[in-house]
Amino acid sequence: MRPSDVDPTQGVYGISVAADLVGMDPQSLRLYERRGLLEPARTDGGTRRYSSADLVRLQRIAQLLAAGLNLAGITKVLELETENARLRAELERTQAAGVAPPPRSARRRSAD
């Protein structure tokens, strides 16, 4: 199996390994989970298992902390980034299907 064959959302790292890989302490990872910033997979016994996608998210959290954001601000930024990615993917699907999105003025009126 090649690394590219591994599902990036599959939990494979224990909390200590994940914390080491991203340069954080395990307590921080637990705090971020409690605050809803990430949700690692769990084994049947309840042990946390972090995926490579979780590690990327933890690195993003560290970047935002270094930029001076608090956890509430980080939560909002991550929500907006997720929504932005969803909208971009939707736009790409629409463009690939040859369907033009509505004009900006029509989108603004429908959102009101």
N, C-alpha and C. Protein backbone atom coordinates (compact mmCIF):
# COMPACT_ATOMS: atom_id res chain seq x y z
N MET A 1 0.85 -1.18 0.00
CA MET A 1 0.00 0.00 0.00
C MET A 1 0.89 1.24 0.00
N ARG A 2 0.57 2.18 -0.86
CA ARG A 2 1.31 3.45 -0.93
C ARG A 2 0.65 4.47 -0.02
N PRO A 3 1.44 5.48 0.45
CA PRO A 3 0.84 6.52 1.30
C PRO A 3 -0.34 7.22 0.62
N SER A 4 -0.31 7.33 -0.71
CA SER A 4 -1.41 7.98 -1.41
C SER A 4 -2.69 7.16 -1.38
N ASP A 5 -2.57 5.86 -1.02
CA ASP A 5 -3.75 4.98 -0.94
C ASP A 5 -4.47 5.10 0.39
N VAL A 6 -3.85 5.74 1.37
CA VAL A 6 -4.42 5.83 2.71
C VAL A 6 -5.47 6.94 2.75
N ASP A 7 -6.60 6.64 3.34
CA ASP A 7 -7.68 7.63 3.51
C ASP A 7 -7.22 8.70 4.50
N PRO A 8 -7.17 9.98 4.07
CA PRO A 8 -6.69 11.04 4.98
C PRO A 8 -7.59 11.28 6.18
N THR A 9 -8.79 10.70 6.18
CA THR A 9 -9.69 10.89 7.31
C THR A 9 -9.68 9.70 8.26
N GLN A 10 -8.88 8.68 7.96
CA GLN A 10 -8.80 7.50 8.81
C GLN A 10 -7.92 7.80 10.02
N GLY A 11 -8.46 7.58 11.20
CA GLY A 11 -7.72 7.83 12.43
C GLY A 11 -6.66 6.76 12.65
N VAL A 12 -5.41 7.19 12.68
CA VAL A 12 -4.31 6.23 12.85
C VAL A 12 -3.35 6.61 13.97
N TYR A 13 -3.32 7.87 14.38
CA TYR A 13 -2.35 8.35 15.36
C TYR A 13 -3.00 8.49 16.73
N GLY A 14 -2.31 7.97 17.75
CA GLY A 14 -2.75 8.20 19.13
C GLY A 14 -2.51 9.65 19.50
N ILE A 15 -3.07 10.07 20.61
CA ILE A 15 -3.00 11.47 21.00
C ILE A 15 -1.56 11.94 21.22
N SER A 16 -0.72 11.11 21.82
CA SER A 16 0.67 11.51 22.08
C SER A 16 1.44 11.70 20.79
N VAL A 17 1.26 10.78 19.86
CA VAL A 17 1.95 10.87 18.56
C VAL A 17 1.43 12.08 17.79
N ALA A 18 0.11 12.27 17.75
CA ALA A 18 -0.47 13.41 17.05
C ALA A 18 0.05 14.72 17.63
N ALA A 19 0.08 14.81 18.96
CA ALA A 19 0.56 16.03 19.61
C ALA A 19 2.02 16.28 19.25
N ASP A 20 2.84 15.25 19.26
CA ASP A 20 4.25 15.40 18.87
C ASP A 20 4.39 15.86 17.43
N LEU A 21 3.60 15.27 16.55
CA LEU A 21 3.70 15.59 15.12
C LEU A 21 3.36 17.05 14.82
N VAL A 22 2.46 17.64 15.60
CA VAL A 22 2.07 19.03 15.35
C VAL A 22 2.70 20.01 16.33
N GLY A 23 3.51 19.50 17.26
CA GLY A 23 4.20 20.39 18.20
C GLY A 23 3.30 20.97 19.27
N MET A 24 2.32 20.21 19.71
CA MET A 24 1.41 20.65 20.77
C MET A 24 1.45 19.64 21.90
N ASP A 25 0.83 19.99 23.01
CA ASP A 25 0.73 19.01 24.08
C ASP A 25 -0.64 18.33 24.01
N PRO A 26 -0.75 17.11 24.52
CA PRO A 26 -2.03 16.38 24.45
C PRO A 26 -3.20 17.13 25.08
N GLN A 27 -2.93 17.92 26.13
CA GLN A 27 -4.03 18.69 26.76
C GLN A 27 -4.65 19.67 25.77
N SER A 28 -3.83 20.26 24.91
CA SER A 28 -4.36 21.19 23.92
C SER A 28 -5.29 20.47 22.95
N LEU A 29 -4.90 19.27 22.53
CA LEU A 29 -5.74 18.51 21.61
C LEU A 29 -7.08 18.18 22.27
N ARG A 30 -7.04 17.82 23.54
CA ARG A 30 -8.29 17.53 24.27
C ARG A 30 -9.16 18.80 24.37
N LEU A 31 -8.52 19.94 24.63
CA LEU A 31 -9.25 21.20 24.72
C LEU A 31 -9.91 21.53 23.38
N TYR A 32 -9.18 21.39 22.29
CA TYR A 32 -9.74 21.71 20.97
C TYR A 32 -10.91 20.79 20.65
N GLU A 33 -10.81 19.55 21.09
CA GLU A 33 -11.94 18.63 20.89
C GLU A 33 -13.15 19.08 21.71
N ARG A 34 -12.93 19.43 22.98
CA ARG A 34 -14.03 19.91 23.82
C ARG A 34 -14.69 21.15 23.24
N ARG A 35 -13.89 22.02 22.62
CA ARG A 35 -14.42 23.26 22.04
C ARG A 35 -15.01 23.05 20.65
N GLY A 36 -14.96 21.82 20.14
CA GLY A 36 -15.58 21.52 18.85
C GLY A 36 -14.73 21.87 17.65
N LEU A 37 -13.44 22.11 17.85
CA LEU A 37 -12.56 22.47 16.73
C LEU A 37 -12.15 21.26 15.90
N LEU A 38 -12.20 20.08 16.48
CA LEU A 38 -11.95 18.86 15.73
C LEU A 38 -12.60 17.70 16.46
N GLU A 39 -12.80 16.62 15.73
CA GLU A 39 -13.46 15.45 16.28
C GLU A 39 -12.72 14.20 15.82
N PRO A 40 -11.71 13.78 16.59
CA PRO A 40 -10.96 12.60 16.18
C PRO A 40 -11.82 11.34 16.25
N ALA A 41 -11.45 10.35 15.47
CA ALA A 41 -12.13 9.06 15.51
C ALA A 41 -11.85 8.42 16.87
N ARG A 42 -12.64 7.45 17.22
CA ARG A 42 -12.46 6.73 18.48
C ARG A 42 -12.45 5.22 18.18
N THR A 43 -11.62 4.52 18.92
CA THR A 43 -11.64 3.06 18.84
C THR A 43 -12.87 2.57 19.60
N ASP A 44 -13.14 1.27 19.52
CA ASP A 44 -14.26 0.71 20.27
C ASP A 44 -14.09 0.94 21.77
N GLY A 45 -12.85 1.01 22.22
CA GLY A 45 -12.57 1.25 23.64
C GLY A 45 -12.57 2.72 24.02
N GLY A 46 -12.75 3.62 23.05
CA GLY A 46 -12.84 5.05 23.34
C GLY A 46 -11.54 5.82 23.16
N THR A 47 -10.48 5.16 22.72
CA THR A 47 -9.20 5.84 22.52
C THR A 47 -9.27 6.73 21.28
N ARG A 48 -8.78 7.95 21.42
CA ARG A 48 -8.77 8.89 20.29
C ARG A 48 -7.78 8.41 19.23
N ARG A 49 -8.16 8.56 17.97
CA ARG A 49 -7.29 8.26 16.84
C ARG A 49 -7.38 9.43 15.87
N TYR A 50 -6.24 10.10 15.68
CA TYR A 50 -6.18 11.28 14.83
C TYR A 50 -5.77 10.89 13.41
N SER A 51 -6.38 11.50 12.44
CA SER A 51 -6.08 11.25 11.03
C SER A 51 -5.11 12.30 10.51
N SER A 52 -4.61 12.09 9.30
CA SER A 52 -3.75 13.11 8.70
C SER A 52 -4.56 14.39 8.46
N ALA A 53 -5.85 14.28 8.18
CA ALA A 53 -6.69 15.47 8.03
C ALA A 53 -6.80 16.22 9.36
N ASP A 54 -6.89 15.47 10.46
CA ASP A 54 -6.91 16.11 11.79
C ASP A 54 -5.61 16.86 12.04
N LEU A 55 -4.48 16.27 11.63
CA LEU A 55 -3.19 16.92 11.83
C LEU A 55 -3.10 18.22 11.04
N VAL A 56 -3.63 18.22 9.83
CA VAL A 56 -3.65 19.45 9.02
C VAL A 56 -4.49 20.51 9.73
N ARG A 57 -5.63 20.10 10.26
CA ARG A 57 -6.50 21.04 10.98
C ARG A 57 -5.79 21.59 12.22
N LEU A 58 -5.09 20.73 12.95
CA LEU A 58 -4.34 21.18 14.13
C LEU A 58 -3.25 22.17 13.75
N GLN A 59 -2.60 21.95 12.61
CA GLN A 59 -1.59 22.90 12.14
C GLN A 59 -2.24 24.24 11.80
N ARG A 60 -3.43 24.20 11.22
CA ARG A 60 -4.16 25.44 10.91
C ARG A 60 -4.54 26.17 12.20
N ILE A 61 -4.97 25.42 13.21
CA ILE A 61 -5.29 26.01 14.51
C ILE A 61 -4.06 26.70 15.08
N ALA A 62 -2.91 26.04 14.99
CA ALA A 62 -1.66 26.63 15.50
C ALA A 62 -1.32 27.92 14.76
N GLN A 63 -1.53 27.95 13.44
CA GLN A 63 -1.28 29.17 12.66
C GLN A 63 -2.17 30.30 13.13
N LEU A 64 -3.44 30.00 13.35
CA LEU A 64 -4.39 31.04 13.76
C LEU A 64 -4.09 31.53 15.18
N LEU A 65 -3.68 30.62 16.06
CA LEU A 65 -3.26 31.03 17.40
C LEU A 65 -2.05 31.96 17.33
N ALA A 66 -1.09 31.61 16.47
CA ALA A 66 0.11 32.43 16.31
C ALA A 66 -0.23 33.81 15.74
N ALA A 67 -1.32 33.89 14.98
CA ALA A 67 -1.77 35.16 14.41
C ALA A 67 -2.53 36.00 15.43
N GLY A 68 -2.76 35.44 16.62
CA GLY A 68 -3.40 36.21 17.69
C GLY A 68 -4.88 35.95 17.88
N LEU A 69 -5.46 34.98 17.20
CA LEU A 69 -6.88 34.70 17.37
C LEU A 69 -7.10 33.87 18.63
N ASN A 70 -8.25 34.09 19.26
CA ASN A 70 -8.64 33.24 20.38
C ASN A 70 -9.44 32.06 19.84
N LEU A 71 -9.83 31.13 20.69
CA LEU A 71 -10.50 29.92 20.22
C LEU A 71 -11.86 30.21 19.57
N ALA A 72 -12.56 31.21 20.05
CA ALA A 72 -13.83 31.58 19.42
C ALA A 72 -13.59 32.10 18.01
N GLY A 73 -12.57 32.91 17.84
CA GLY A 73 -12.23 33.42 16.52
C GLY A 73 -11.78 32.31 15.58
N ILE A 74 -11.00 31.37 16.12
CA ILE A 74 -10.54 30.24 15.32
C ILE A 74 -11.72 29.40 14.87
N THR A 75 -12.67 29.19 15.76
CA THR A 75 -13.88 28.43 15.40
C THR A 75 -14.57 29.08 14.21
N LYS A 76 -14.74 30.39 14.26
CA LYS A 76 -15.42 31.11 13.18
C LYS A 76 -14.62 31.03 11.88
N VAL A 77 -13.30 31.23 11.95
CA VAL A 77 -12.47 31.17 10.75
C VAL A 77 -12.57 29.79 10.12
N LEU A 78 -12.49 28.74 10.93
CA LEU A 78 -12.56 27.38 10.39
C LEU A 78 -13.93 27.11 9.76
N GLU A 79 -14.99 27.60 10.38
CA GLU A 79 -16.33 27.45 9.81
C GLU A 79 -16.41 28.15 8.46
N LEU A 80 -15.89 29.38 8.39
CA LEU A 80 -15.93 30.14 7.13
C LEU A 80 -15.07 29.48 6.05
N GLU A 81 -13.92 28.95 6.43
CA GLU A 81 -13.07 28.26 5.46
C GLU A 81 -13.76 27.01 4.92
N THR A 82 -14.44 26.28 5.78
CA THR A 82 -15.17 25.09 5.35
C THR A 82 -16.30 25.47 4.40
N GLU A 83 -17.03 26.50 4.74
CA GLU A 83 -18.14 26.95 3.88
C GLU A 83 -17.61 27.46 2.55
N ASN A 84 -16.51 28.19 2.57
CA ASN A 84 -15.91 28.70 1.35
C ASN A 84 -15.49 27.53 0.44
N ALA A 85 -14.88 26.51 1.02
CA ALA A 85 -14.46 25.33 0.23
C ALA A 85 -15.68 24.63 -0.36
N ARG A 86 -16.76 24.53 0.43
CA ARG A 86 -17.98 23.90 -0.07
C ARG A 86 -18.56 24.67 -1.24
N LEU A 87 -18.60 26.00 -1.12
CA LEU A 87 -19.14 26.84 -2.19
C LEU A 87 -18.28 26.78 -3.44
N ARG A 88 -16.97 26.76 -3.27
CA ARG A 88 -16.06 26.64 -4.43
C ARG A 88 -16.28 25.31 -5.15
N ALA A 89 -16.42 24.23 -4.39
CA ALA A 89 -16.66 22.92 -5.00
C ALA A 89 -18.00 22.91 -5.74
N GLU A 90 -18.99 23.53 -5.15
CA GLU A 90 -20.31 23.62 -5.80
C GLU A 90 -20.21 24.42 -7.10
N LEU A 91 -19.48 25.52 -7.08
CA LEU A 91 -19.30 26.33 -8.27
C LEU A 91 -18.57 25.54 -9.36
N GLU A 92 -17.53 24.80 -8.97
CA GLU A 92 -16.80 23.99 -9.94
C GLU A 92 -17.70 22.92 -10.56
N ARG A 93 -18.53 22.27 -9.73
CA ARG A 93 -19.48 21.27 -10.26
C ARG A 93 -20.46 21.92 -11.23
N THR A 94 -20.94 23.08 -10.87
CA THR A 94 -21.89 23.80 -11.71
C THR A 94 -21.25 24.18 -13.04
N GLN A 95 -20.03 24.70 -12.97
CA GLN A 95 -19.32 25.10 -14.19
C GLN A 95 -19.02 23.89 -15.06
N ALA A 96 -18.64 22.77 -14.44
CA ALA A 96 -18.34 21.56 -15.20
C ALA A 96 -19.59 21.02 -15.90
N ALA A 97 -20.75 21.25 -15.29
CA ALA A 97 -22.01 20.79 -15.88
C ALA A 97 -22.52 21.77 -16.94
N GLY A 98 -21.84 22.90 -17.07
CA GLY A 98 -22.26 23.89 -18.06
C GLY A 98 -23.42 24.75 -17.62
N VAL A 99 -23.71 24.75 -16.35
CA VAL A 99 -24.81 25.56 -15.82
C VAL A 99 -24.21 26.82 -15.22
N ALA A 100 -24.66 27.96 -15.68
CA ALA A 100 -24.14 29.23 -15.18
C ALA A 100 -24.82 29.57 -13.86
N PRO A 101 -24.06 30.05 -12.87
CA PRO A 101 -24.68 30.49 -11.62
C PRO A 101 -25.52 31.74 -11.86
N PRO A 102 -26.49 32.01 -10.99
CA PRO A 102 -27.30 33.22 -11.16
C PRO A 102 -26.43 34.46 -11.03
N PRO A 103 -26.85 35.56 -11.65
CA PRO A 103 -26.08 36.81 -11.50
C PRO A 103 -25.96 37.20 -10.04
N ARG A 104 -24.89 37.92 -9.72
CA ARG A 104 -24.66 38.32 -8.33
C ARG A 104 -25.85 39.08 -7.75
N SER A 105 -26.46 39.96 -8.50
CA SER A 105 -27.58 40.75 -7.98
C SER A 105 -28.73 39.84 -7.59
N ALA A 106 -28.98 38.78 -8.34
CA ALA A 106 -30.06 37.85 -8.02
C ALA A 106 -29.72 37.05 -6.78
N ARG A 107 -28.45 36.69 -6.60
CA ARG A 107 -28.04 35.94 -5.42
C ARG A 107 -28.20 36.79 -4.18
N ARG A 108 -27.87 38.07 -4.27
CA ARG A 108 -27.98 38.96 -3.10
C ARG A 108 -29.45 39.10 -2.69
N ARG A 109 -30.34 39.28 -3.65
CA ARG A 109 -31.76 39.44 -3.33
C ARG A 109 -32.33 38.18 -2.68
N SER A 110 -31.93 37.00 -3.17
CA SER A 110 -32.48 35.77 -2.63
C SER A 110 -31.95 35.50 -1.23
N ALA A 111 -30.79 36.05 -0.87
CA ALA A 111 -30.22 35.84 0.46
C ALA A 111 -30.86 36.75 1.49
N ASP A 112 -31.51 37.81 1.04
CA ASP A 112 -32.11 38.78 1.97
C ASP A 112 -33.36 38.25 2.62
